[in-house]
């Protein structure tokens, strides 16, 4: 359990670093109307974005390790604290001073994490309901048309909507990671075949790519606060509910109140700190279909 908590904390640190770098790169890159997969191609030419994605990749691997030993509500609450990490890094590295509200937000996040950590109990394997793995893939597939519709929304509303879709997609990746079959002593070749035939593997890949695209687009459409606040809510609360309802996640007996209060507090504190993902970039190249967000 200690390894799981340390892994989740490491994931939050990686995501905090990655969010700043990706926000900076997204603002420097030519934007297009709608949801354009070519945006990722343009971003992949940016060293900042690649480093940010590498940090996110490390965070994902650490969160994958965490969800194998801890309930989803614990892991996702800790991961949501990446915005507290971002706020501290912005204050130290980017000279963005912390105001009274920011310090209060960090205190709320820390207090929420203490409650979540205190309520945590070791995870135990629970069999999925019938067709549960296909339901996870179905959820990922449903987010694709939702992203396409939201991507056509006016600039600022589109940013919030795409942030929400990105949060739900990140939530699906967490759920898919949790329900992926373990190796169970299988030889590597046979285990790889097991993964290739499991719908959760495809849900993980699809939701991860969609989350990356929608969040990068949202960062171009509006403020990081507008894009990240709904992301935090979607990636924290939805997996927590799925874990409790379908996957047998439970806090320590008698600590249910602490788990609920801590999860809500960590999410609320993180949302209040979302402005610290804001970066003022150098003048960005403007393409022919660039829209003025004003």
Protein backbone atom coordinates (compact mmCIF):
# COMPACT_ATOMS: atom_id res chain seq x y z
CA UNK A 1 0.00 0.00 0.00
CA UNK A 2 2.89 2.37 0.77
CA UNK A 3 4.36 1.67 -2.66
CA UNK A 4 0.99 2.52 -4.22
CA UNK A 5 0.76 5.84 -2.37
CA UNK A 6 4.33 6.76 -3.34
CA UNK A 7 3.60 5.83 -6.95
CA UNK A 8 0.46 8.00 -7.00
CA UNK A 9 2.41 10.91 -5.49
CA UNK A 10 5.12 10.49 -8.11
CA UNK A 11 2.45 10.48 -10.82
CA UNK A 12 1.07 13.79 -9.51
CA UNK A 13 4.57 15.30 -9.62
CA UNK A 14 5.10 14.14 -13.21
CA UNK A 15 1.68 15.39 -14.32
CA UNK A 16 2.33 18.77 -12.69
CA UNK A 17 5.55 19.23 -14.65
CA UNK A 18 3.99 17.92 -17.86
CA UNK A 19 0.95 20.23 -17.67
CA UNK A 20 3.10 23.37 -17.58
CA UNK A 21 5.24 22.26 -20.52
CA UNK A 22 2.27 21.13 -22.62
CA UNK A 23 0.33 24.33 -21.94
CA UNK A 24 3.31 26.38 -23.09
CA UNK A 25 3.75 24.28 -26.25
CA UNK A 26 0.03 24.30 -27.11
CA UNK A 27 -0.11 28.09 -26.94
CA UNK A 28 2.90 28.38 -29.28
CA UNK A 29 1.39 26.09 -31.94
CA UNK A 30 -0.88 27.08 -34.82
CA UNK A 31 -4.50 26.22 -34.03
CA UNK A 32 -7.33 25.03 -36.28
CA UNK A 33 -11.07 25.06 -35.95
CA UNK A 34 -12.79 21.89 -34.80
CA UNK A 35 -11.08 18.83 -33.42
CA UNK A 36 -8.03 18.36 -35.66
CA UNK A 37 -5.83 15.27 -35.10
CA UNK A 38 -3.09 17.08 -37.03
CA UNK A 39 -2.62 19.26 -33.96
CA UNK A 40 -0.75 16.40 -32.30
CA UNK A 41 1.54 16.17 -35.35
CA UNK A 42 2.39 19.86 -35.02
CA UNK A 43 2.90 19.58 -31.27
CA UNK A 44 5.25 16.63 -31.66
CA UNK A 45 7.72 19.01 -33.33
CA UNK A 46 8.02 20.95 -30.07
CA UNK A 47 10.72 19.92 -27.62
CA UNK A 48 8.68 21.35 -24.74
CA UNK A 49 5.69 19.24 -25.69
CA UNK A 50 7.76 16.08 -26.06
CA UNK A 51 9.28 16.56 -22.62
CA UNK A 52 5.81 17.23 -21.23
CA UNK A 53 4.46 14.07 -22.85
CA UNK A 54 7.43 12.11 -21.49
CA UNK A 55 6.60 13.42 -18.01
CA UNK A 56 2.97 12.44 -18.52
CA UNK A 57 4.09 9.00 -19.70
CA UNK A 58 6.13 8.51 -16.54
CA UNK A 59 3.14 9.72 -14.52
CA UNK A 60 0.87 7.26 -16.30
CA UNK A 61 3.19 4.33 -15.57
CA UNK A 62 3.34 5.32 -11.92
CA UNK A 63 -0.45 5.67 -11.74
CA UNK A 64 -0.80 2.27 -13.43
CA UNK A 65 1.33 0.79 -10.67
CA UNK A 66 -0.76 2.60 -8.06
CA UNK A 67 -4.17 1.42 -9.32
CA UNK A 68 -3.02 -2.20 -9.09
CA UNK A 69 -2.68 -1.88 -5.31
CA UNK A 70 -5.02 0.95 -4.22
CA UNK A 71 -8.69 1.83 -4.78
CA UNK A 72 -9.39 4.22 -7.64
CA UNK A 73 -10.77 6.94 -5.36
CA UNK A 74 -7.41 7.09 -3.56
CA UNK A 75 -5.25 7.11 -6.69
CA UNK A 76 -7.34 9.66 -8.60
CA UNK A 77 -7.53 12.01 -5.61
CA UNK A 78 -3.75 11.96 -5.25
CA UNK A 79 -3.25 12.40 -9.00
CA UNK A 80 -5.61 15.41 -8.97
CA UNK A 81 -3.16 17.12 -6.64
CA UNK A 82 -0.87 17.67 -9.63
CA UNK A 83 -2.28 21.21 -9.77
CA UNK A 84 -0.90 21.87 -6.29
CA UNK A 85 2.46 20.69 -7.60
CA UNK A 86 2.04 23.00 -10.60
CA UNK A 87 1.26 25.95 -8.32
CA UNK A 88 4.39 25.41 -6.24
CA UNK A 89 6.57 24.92 -9.33
CA UNK A 90 5.10 28.06 -10.92
CA UNK A 91 5.86 30.06 -7.78
CA UNK A 92 9.46 28.83 -7.65
CA UNK A 93 10.40 28.57 -11.33
CA UNK A 94 8.07 31.00 -13.10
CA UNK A 95 7.88 33.65 -10.36
CA UNK A 96 4.10 33.41 -10.11
CA UNK A 97 3.56 34.37 -6.47
CA UNK A 98 1.08 32.43 -4.36
CA UNK A 99 -1.76 34.55 -3.03
CA UNK A 100 -3.89 33.84 0.01
CA UNK A 101 -6.44 31.91 -2.06
CA UNK A 102 -3.67 29.82 -3.59
CA UNK A 103 -2.21 28.92 -0.20
CA UNK A 104 -5.70 28.02 1.00
CA UNK A 105 -6.17 25.82 -2.08
CA UNK A 106 -2.90 24.00 -1.40
CA UNK A 107 -3.90 23.52 2.24
CA UNK A 108 -7.28 22.10 1.17
CA UNK A 109 -5.59 19.71 -1.26
CA UNK A 110 -3.13 18.53 1.38
CA UNK A 111 -5.90 18.14 3.96
CA UNK A 112 -8.01 16.18 1.49
CA UNK A 113 -5.09 13.90 0.66
CA UNK A 114 -4.46 13.25 4.34
CA UNK A 115 -8.08 12.17 4.77
CA UNK A 116 -7.99 10.01 1.64
CA UNK A 117 -4.72 8.41 2.67
CA UNK A 118 -5.98 7.73 6.19
CA UNK A 119 -9.14 6.09 4.81
CA UNK A 120 -7.32 3.89 2.31
CA UNK A 121 -7.42 0.13 2.60
CA UNK A 122 -5.41 -2.30 0.47
CA UNK A 123 -7.14 -3.09 -2.80
CA UNK A 124 -8.35 -6.59 -3.55
CA UNK A 125 -9.17 -8.22 -6.86
CA UNK A 126 -12.85 -8.15 -7.78
CA UNK A 127 -14.26 -9.89 -10.84
CA UNK A 128 -15.81 -7.55 -13.37
CA UNK A 129 -19.55 -7.81 -14.00
CA UNK A 130 -20.49 -9.67 -17.19
CA UNK A 131 -19.27 -7.76 -20.27
CA UNK A 132 -17.59 -5.22 -17.99
CA UNK A 133 -14.45 -4.97 -20.10
CA UNK A 134 -16.57 -4.33 -23.20
CA UNK A 135 -18.47 -1.66 -21.29
CA UNK A 136 -15.17 0.13 -20.62
CA UNK A 137 -14.35 0.05 -24.35
CA UNK A 138 -17.89 1.24 -25.11
CA UNK A 139 -17.39 4.20 -22.81
CA UNK A 140 -14.20 5.14 -24.65
CA UNK A 141 -15.95 4.86 -28.03
CA UNK A 142 -18.84 7.08 -26.90
CA UNK A 143 -16.40 9.85 -26.01
CA UNK A 144 -15.20 10.12 -29.64
CA UNK A 145 -18.43 11.60 -31.11
CA UNK A 146 -18.87 13.67 -27.95
CA UNK A 147 -15.43 15.21 -28.53
CA UNK A 148 -16.25 15.93 -32.18
CA UNK A 149 -19.47 17.73 -31.23
CA UNK A 150 -17.86 19.74 -28.43
CA UNK A 151 -14.93 20.59 -30.69
CA UNK A 152 -17.28 22.64 -32.89
CA UNK A 153 -18.52 24.76 -29.97
CA UNK A 154 -17.57 28.45 -29.70
CA UNK A 155 -14.01 29.09 -28.54
CA UNK A 156 -14.30 29.42 -24.73
CA UNK A 157 -17.24 27.06 -24.29
CA UNK A 158 -15.35 24.58 -26.42
CA UNK A 159 -12.38 24.82 -24.07
CA UNK A 160 -14.48 23.87 -21.05
CA UNK A 161 -16.30 21.11 -22.93
CA UNK A 162 -13.10 19.63 -24.34
CA UNK A 163 -11.54 19.77 -20.87
CA UNK A 164 -14.50 17.80 -19.54
CA UNK A 165 -14.18 15.20 -22.32
CA UNK A 166 -10.44 14.96 -21.63
CA UNK A 167 -11.16 14.38 -17.94
CA UNK A 168 -13.63 11.62 -18.72
CA UNK A 169 -11.13 10.07 -21.15
CA UNK A 170 -8.40 10.15 -18.51
CA UNK A 171 -10.92 8.57 -16.16
CA UNK A 172 -11.51 5.76 -18.65
CA UNK A 173 -7.75 5.15 -18.86
CA UNK A 174 -7.65 4.80 -15.07
CA UNK A 175 -10.56 2.34 -15.09
CA UNK A 176 -9.09 0.38 -18.00
CA UNK A 177 -5.72 0.21 -16.23
CA UNK A 178 -7.42 -1.14 -13.13
CA UNK A 179 -9.32 -3.90 -14.93
CA UNK A 180 -6.52 -5.06 -17.25
CA UNK A 181 -5.71 -8.71 -16.56
CA UNK A 182 -2.52 -9.36 -14.65
CA UNK A 183 0.20 -11.71 -15.88
CA UNK A 184 -0.73 -14.40 -13.31
CA UNK A 185 2.46 -16.31 -14.01
CA UNK A 186 1.91 -16.45 -17.77
CA UNK A 187 4.91 -16.47 -20.12
CA UNK A 188 5.46 -13.03 -21.73
CA UNK A 189 4.21 -14.17 -25.14
CA UNK A 190 1.00 -15.61 -23.80
CA UNK A 191 0.40 -12.57 -21.59
CA UNK A 192 0.86 -10.28 -24.59
CA UNK A 193 -1.75 -12.33 -26.46
CA UNK A 194 -4.08 -11.98 -23.47
CA UNK A 195 -3.70 -8.20 -23.56
CA UNK A 196 -4.25 -8.07 -27.33
CA UNK A 197 -7.55 -9.91 -26.98
CA UNK A 198 -8.82 -7.90 -24.02
CA UNK A 199 -11.18 -4.96 -24.84
CA UNK A 200 -9.76 -2.97 -21.92
CA UNK A 201 -6.42 -2.71 -23.73
CA UNK A 202 -8.07 -0.99 -26.68
CA UNK A 203 -10.08 1.24 -24.34
CA UNK A 204 -6.81 2.29 -22.69
CA UNK A 205 -5.15 3.21 -25.99
CA UNK A 206 -8.19 4.96 -27.48
CA UNK A 207 -9.06 6.94 -24.34
CA UNK A 208 -5.42 7.93 -23.81
CA UNK A 209 -5.05 9.29 -27.34
CA UNK A 210 -8.40 11.08 -27.14
CA UNK A 211 -7.52 12.63 -23.78
CA UNK A 212 -4.22 13.93 -25.17
CA UNK A 213 -5.88 15.45 -28.24
CA UNK A 214 -8.86 17.02 -26.47
CA UNK A 215 -6.80 18.50 -23.64
CA UNK A 216 -4.22 19.96 -26.04
CA UNK A 217 -7.04 21.50 -28.09
CA UNK A 218 -8.72 22.85 -24.96
CA UNK A 219 -5.48 24.56 -23.92
CA UNK A 220 -5.51 26.46 -27.23
CA UNK A 221 -9.16 27.46 -26.95
CA UNK A 222 -9.12 29.15 -23.55
CA UNK A 223 -7.39 29.60 -20.25
CA UNK A 224 -5.79 26.66 -18.52
CA UNK A 225 -8.24 27.22 -15.68
CA UNK A 226 -11.18 26.84 -18.04
CA UNK A 227 -9.72 23.69 -19.58
CA UNK A 228 -8.30 22.02 -16.48
CA UNK A 229 -11.02 22.54 -13.88
CA UNK A 230 -13.55 20.22 -15.62
CA UNK A 231 -10.72 17.81 -16.42
CA UNK A 232 -9.91 17.41 -12.72
CA UNK A 233 -13.54 16.75 -11.84
CA UNK A 234 -13.99 14.19 -14.64
CA UNK A 235 -10.77 12.28 -14.04
CA UNK A 236 -11.27 12.15 -10.25
CA UNK A 237 -14.93 11.66 -9.41
CA UNK A 238 -16.07 9.40 -12.27
CA UNK A 239 -13.43 6.67 -11.72
CA UNK A 240 -14.02 6.92 -7.97
CA UNK A 241 -17.74 6.25 -8.44
CA UNK A 242 -17.09 3.39 -10.88
CA UNK A 243 -14.61 1.87 -8.45
CA UNK A 244 -17.08 1.96 -5.57
CA UNK A 245 -20.12 0.80 -7.57
CA UNK A 246 -18.60 -1.83 -9.86
CA UNK A 247 -15.08 -2.73 -8.73
CA UNK A 248 -15.51 -3.27 -5.01
CA UNK A 249 -13.40 -0.30 -3.85
CA UNK A 250 -13.99 0.35 -0.17
CA UNK A 251 -12.34 2.56 2.45
CA UNK A 252 -11.37 1.26 5.86
CA UNK A 253 -14.42 0.33 7.94
CA UNK A 254 -15.77 3.43 9.66
CA UNK A 255 -13.74 5.80 7.45
CA UNK A 256 -16.28 6.28 4.68
CA UNK A 257 -16.84 9.92 5.71
CA UNK A 258 -13.11 10.63 5.44
CA UNK A 259 -12.89 9.07 1.97
CA UNK A 260 -15.82 11.13 0.63
CA UNK A 261 -14.74 14.40 2.27
CA UNK A 262 -11.10 13.92 1.30
CA UNK A 263 -11.90 13.14 -2.33
CA UNK A 264 -14.16 16.19 -2.66
CA UNK A 265 -11.69 18.46 -0.85
CA UNK A 266 -8.73 17.36 -2.97
CA UNK A 267 -10.73 17.94 -6.16
CA UNK A 268 -12.06 21.34 -5.06
CA UNK A 269 -8.64 22.53 -3.94
CA UNK A 270 -7.09 21.39 -7.22
CA UNK A 271 -9.73 23.23 -9.26
CA UNK A 272 -9.03 26.44 -7.32
CA UNK A 273 -5.35 26.16 -8.27
CA UNK A 274 -5.92 25.61 -11.99
CA UNK A 275 -4.84 29.14 -12.93
CA UNK A 276 -1.24 28.20 -12.13
CA UNK A 277 -1.09 26.26 -15.36
CA UNK A 278 -1.25 29.59 -17.21
CA UNK A 279 1.81 30.39 -19.29
CA UNK A 280 2.45 33.62 -21.16
CA UNK A 281 4.15 32.40 -24.34
CA UNK A 282 6.20 34.26 -26.88
CA UNK A 283 4.15 35.40 -29.88
CA UNK A 284 2.89 32.23 -31.56
CA UNK A 285 2.73 31.55 -35.27
CA UNK A 286 -0.72 32.25 -36.62
CA UNK A 287 -2.19 30.03 -39.31
CA UNK A 288 -4.85 30.97 -41.86
CA UNK A 289 -7.60 29.28 -39.86
CA UNK A 290 -6.54 30.63 -36.48
CA UNK A 291 -9.46 32.07 -34.55
CA UNK A 292 -9.12 35.04 -32.26
CA UNK A 293 -10.26 33.84 -28.80
CA UNK A 294 -11.37 37.33 -27.96
